[in-house]
PDB file of N, CA and C in Angstrom:
ATOM      1  N   UNK A   1    -229.330 -89.003 257.055  1.00  0.00           N
ATOM      2  CA  UNK A   1    -228.495 -88.355 257.977  1.00  0.00           C
ATOM      3  C   UNK A   1    -229.371 -88.965 259.568  1.00  0.00           C
ATOM      4  N   UNK A   2    -228.681 -89.510 259.964  1.00  0.00           N
ATOM      5  CA  UNK A   2    -229.463 -90.211 261.560  1.00  0.00           C
ATOM      6  C   UNK A   2    -229.783 -89.443 262.122  1.00  0.00           C
ATOM      7  N   UNK A   3    -230.738 -89.693 263.306  1.00  0.00           N
ATOM      8  CA  UNK A   3    -231.130 -88.968 264.179  1.00  0.00           C
ATOM      9  C   UNK A   3    -229.906 -88.435 265.011  1.00  0.00           C
ATOM     10  N   UNK A   4    -228.849 -88.810 265.179  1.00  0.00           N
ATOM     11  CA  UNK A   4    -227.099 -89.241 265.924  1.00  0.00           C
ATOM     12  C   UNK A   4    -226.900 -87.704 265.644  1.00  0.00           C
ATOM     13  N   UNK A   5    -226.747 -88.321 264.105  1.00  0.00           N
ATOM     14  CA  UNK A   5    -226.081 -87.043 263.634  1.00  0.00           C
ATOM     15  C   UNK A   5    -226.598 -85.963 263.991  1.00  0.00           C
ATOM     16  N   UNK A   6    -227.925 -85.627 263.165  1.00  0.00           N
ATOM     17  CA  UNK A   6    -228.583 -84.148 263.814  1.00  0.00           C
ATOM     18  C   UNK A   6    -228.582 -84.086 264.732  1.00  0.00           C
ATOM     19  N   UNK A   7    -228.530 -84.633 266.703  1.00  0.00           N
ATOM     20  CA  UNK A   7    -228.678 -84.473 267.748  1.00  0.00           C
ATOM     21  C   UNK A   7    -226.793 -83.378 268.004  1.00  0.00           C
ATOM     22  N   UNK A   8    -226.042 -84.748 267.264  1.00  0.00           N
ATOM     23  CA  UNK A   8    -224.517 -84.032 267.343  1.00  0.00           C
ATOM     24  C   UNK A   8    -224.136 -82.656 266.614  1.00  0.00           C
ATOM     25  N   UNK A   9    -225.319 -82.402 265.611  1.00  0.00           N
ATOM     26  CA  UNK A   9    -224.867 -80.598 265.135  1.00  0.00           C
ATOM     27  C   UNK A   9    -225.612 -80.123 265.593  1.00  0.00           C
ATOM     28  N   UNK A  10    -226.717 -80.052 265.912  1.00  0.00           N
ATOM     29  CA  UNK A  10    -227.749 -79.062 266.820  1.00  0.00           C
ATOM     30  C   UNK A  10    -226.916 -79.102 268.288  1.00  0.00           C
ATOM     31  N   UNK A  11    -225.986 -79.514 268.762  1.00  0.00           N
ATOM     32  CA  UNK A  11    -225.697 -79.924 269.827  1.00  0.00           C
ATOM     33  C   UNK A  11    -224.014 -79.231 270.105  1.00  0.00           C
ATOM     34  N   UNK A  12    -223.426 -79.450 268.829  1.00  0.00           N
ATOM     35  CA  UNK A  12    -222.023 -78.364 268.848  1.00  0.00           C
ATOM     36  C   UNK A  12    -222.563 -76.996 268.255  1.00  0.00           C
ATOM     37  N   UNK A  13    -223.479 -76.696 267.462  1.00  0.00           N
ATOM     38  CA  UNK A  13    -223.853 -75.302 267.138  1.00  0.00           C
ATOM     39  C   UNK A  13    -224.912 -74.379 268.816  1.00  0.00           C
ATOM     40  N   UNK A  14    -225.204 -75.647 269.362  1.00  0.00           N
ATOM     41  CA  UNK A  14    -225.500 -75.259 270.719  1.00  0.00           C
ATOM     42  C   UNK A  14    -224.710 -74.429 271.290  1.00  0.00           C
ATOM     43  N   UNK A  15    -223.163 -75.083 271.325  1.00  0.00           N
ATOM     44  CA  UNK A  15    -222.244 -75.146 272.598  1.00  0.00           C
ATOM     45  C   UNK A  15    -221.433 -74.200 272.587  1.00  0.00           C
ATOM     46  N   UNK A  16    -221.593 -72.953 271.893  1.00  0.00           N
ATOM     47  CA  UNK A  16    -220.464 -72.573 272.087  1.00  0.00           C
ATOM     48  C   UNK A  16    -220.692 -71.209 272.928  1.00  0.00           C
ATOM     49  N   UNK A  17    -219.216 -70.763 273.349  1.00  0.00           N
ATOM     50  CA  UNK A  17    -219.166 -69.912 274.154  1.00  0.00           C
ATOM     51  C   UNK A  17    -219.742 -68.615 273.967  1.00  0.00           C
ATOM     52  N   UNK A  18    -220.941 -68.091 275.602  1.00  0.00           N
ATOM     53  CA  UNK A  18    -221.432 -66.519 275.108  1.00  0.00           C
ATOM     54  C   UNK A  18    -220.728 -65.492 274.436  1.00  0.00           C
ATOM     55  N   UNK A  19    -221.423 -64.677 273.957  1.00  0.00           N
ATOM     56  CA  UNK A  19    -219.761 -63.523 273.561  1.00  0.00           C
ATOM     57  C   UNK A  19    -220.506 -62.602 274.767  1.00  0.00           C
ATOM     58  N   UNK A  20    -219.376 -61.780 275.382  1.00  0.00           N
ATOM     59  CA  UNK A  20    -219.212 -60.362 276.068  1.00  0.00           C
ATOM     60  C   UNK A  20    -218.489 -59.354 276.123  1.00  0.00           C
ATOM     61  N   UNK A  21    -219.076 -58.734 275.820  1.00  0.00           N
ATOM     62  CA  UNK A  21    -218.176 -57.174 274.805  1.00  0.00           C
ATOM     63  C   UNK A  21    -217.517 -57.030 276.150  1.00  0.00           C
ATOM     64  N   UNK A  22    -216.443 -56.691 275.573  1.00  0.00           N
ATOM     65  CA  UNK A  22    -215.640 -55.700 276.371  1.00  0.00           C
ATOM     66  C   UNK A  22    -214.814 -55.236 275.475  1.00  0.00           C
ATOM     67  N   UNK A  23    -215.288 -53.213 276.344  1.00  0.00           N
ATOM     68  CA  UNK A  23    -214.591 -52.198 275.481  1.00  0.00           C
ATOM     69  C   UNK A  23    -213.463 -51.927 275.690  1.00  0.00           C
ATOM     70  N   UNK A  24    -212.684 -51.760 274.426  1.00  0.00           N
ATOM     71  CA  UNK A  24    -211.003 -51.117 274.357  1.00  0.00           C
ATOM     72  C   UNK A  24    -210.451 -50.719 275.193  1.00  0.00           C
ATOM     73  N   UNK A  25    -209.536 -51.012 276.148  1.00  0.00           N
ATOM     74  CA  UNK A  25    -208.981 -49.984 277.267  1.00  0.00           C
ATOM     75  C   UNK A  25    -207.582 -49.067 276.157  1.00  0.00           C
ATOM     76  N   UNK A  26    -208.012 -47.518 275.732  1.00  0.00           N
ATOM     77  CA  UNK A  26    -207.485 -46.990 274.511  1.00  0.00           C
ATOM     78  C   UNK A  26    -206.043 -45.627 275.565  1.00  0.00           C
ATOM     79  N   UNK A  27    -204.928 -45.977 275.863  1.00  0.00           N
ATOM     80  CA  UNK A  27    -203.829 -45.467 276.451  1.00  0.00           C
ATOM     81  C   UNK A  27    -203.723 -44.397 275.711  1.00  0.00           C
ATOM     82  N   UNK A  28    -203.445 -44.005 274.431  1.00  0.00           N
ATOM     83  CA  UNK A  28    -202.891 -42.984 273.964  1.00  0.00           C
ATOM     84  C   UNK A  28    -203.482 -42.795 272.324  1.00  0.00           C
ATOM     85  N   UNK A  29    -203.946 -42.066 271.920  1.00  0.00           N
ATOM     86  CA  UNK A  29    -204.229 -41.802 270.624  1.00  0.00           C
ATOM     87  C   UNK A  29    -203.199 -40.689 269.459  1.00  0.00           C
ATOM     88  N   UNK A  30    -204.225 -41.647 268.254  1.00  0.00           N
ATOM     89  CA  UNK A  30    -203.213 -40.297 267.378  1.00  0.00           C
ATOM     90  C   UNK A  30    -204.055 -39.878 266.596  1.00  0.00           C
ATOM     91  N   UNK A  31    -203.398 -38.247 266.452  1.00  0.00           N
ATOM     92  CA  UNK A  31    -204.354 -37.336 265.687  1.00  0.00           C
ATOM     93  C   UNK A  31    -203.901 -36.873 264.085  1.00  0.00           C
ATOM     94  N   UNK A  32    -204.237 -37.507 263.319  1.00  0.00           N
ATOM     95  CA  UNK A  32    -203.556 -37.029 261.761  1.00  0.00           C
ATOM     96  C   UNK A  32    -204.567 -35.646 261.267  1.00  0.00           C
ATOM     97  N   UNK A  33    -203.852 -34.445 260.757  1.00  0.00           N
ATOM     98  CA  UNK A  33    -204.344 -33.457 260.440  1.00  0.00           C
ATOM     99  C   UNK A  33    -203.521 -32.842 258.796  1.00  0.00           C
ATOM    100  N   UNK A  34    -204.405 -32.103 258.220  1.00  0.00           N
ATOM    101  CA  UNK A  34    -203.440 -31.331 257.367  1.00  0.00           C
ATOM    102  C   UNK A  34    -203.812 -29.673 257.765  1.00  0.00           C
ATOM    103  N   UNK A  35    -204.214 -29.762 259.184  1.00  0.00           N
ATOM    104  CA  UNK A  35    -204.302 -27.960 259.152  1.00  0.00           C
ATOM    105  C   UNK A  35    -203.294 -27.806 260.184  1.00  0.00           C
ATOM    106  N   UNK A  36    -202.539 -26.387 260.056  1.00  0.00           N
ATOM    107  CA  UNK A  36    -201.309 -25.941 260.377  1.00  0.00           C
ATOM    108  C   UNK A  36    -201.195 -25.894 261.934  1.00  0.00           C
ATOM    109  N   UNK A  37    -200.104 -25.742 262.344  1.00  0.00           N
ATOM    110  CA  UNK A  37    -200.610 -26.389 263.488  1.00  0.00           C
ATOM    111  C   UNK A  37    -200.859 -25.212 264.492  1.00  0.00           C
ATOM    112  N   UNK A  38    -201.124 -23.753 264.232  1.00  0.00           N
ATOM    113  CA  UNK A  38    -202.161 -23.208 264.922  1.00  0.00           C
ATOM    114  C   UNK A  38    -203.286 -22.900 264.896  1.00  0.00           C
ATOM    115  N   UNK A  39    -203.494 -23.357 263.220  1.00  0.00           N
ATOM    116  CA  UNK A  39    -205.347 -24.236 263.218  1.00  0.00           C
ATOM    117  C   UNK A  39    -205.734 -24.890 263.915  1.00  0.00           C
ATOM    118  N   UNK A  40    -204.826 -26.052 264.085  1.00  0.00           N
ATOM    119  CA  UNK A  40    -205.230 -27.709 264.730  1.00  0.00           C
ATOM    120  C   UNK A  40    -204.999 -27.615 266.301  1.00  0.00           C
ATOM    121  N   UNK A  41    -204.652 -26.817 266.701  1.00  0.00           N
ATOM    122  CA  UNK A  41    -205.464 -26.133 268.345  1.00  0.00           C
ATOM    123  C   UNK A  41    -203.601 -27.120 269.167  1.00  0.00           C
TER     124      UNK A  41
END
């Protein structure tokens, strides 16, 4: 492997976008239970 190929490989590995965490937005939730409706609340 030539040094140009090695440089290109290292450059491509390093030129990725930085991960930024974005928490999900929850609008609704579904609760599934096997309790009776009076016990589930």
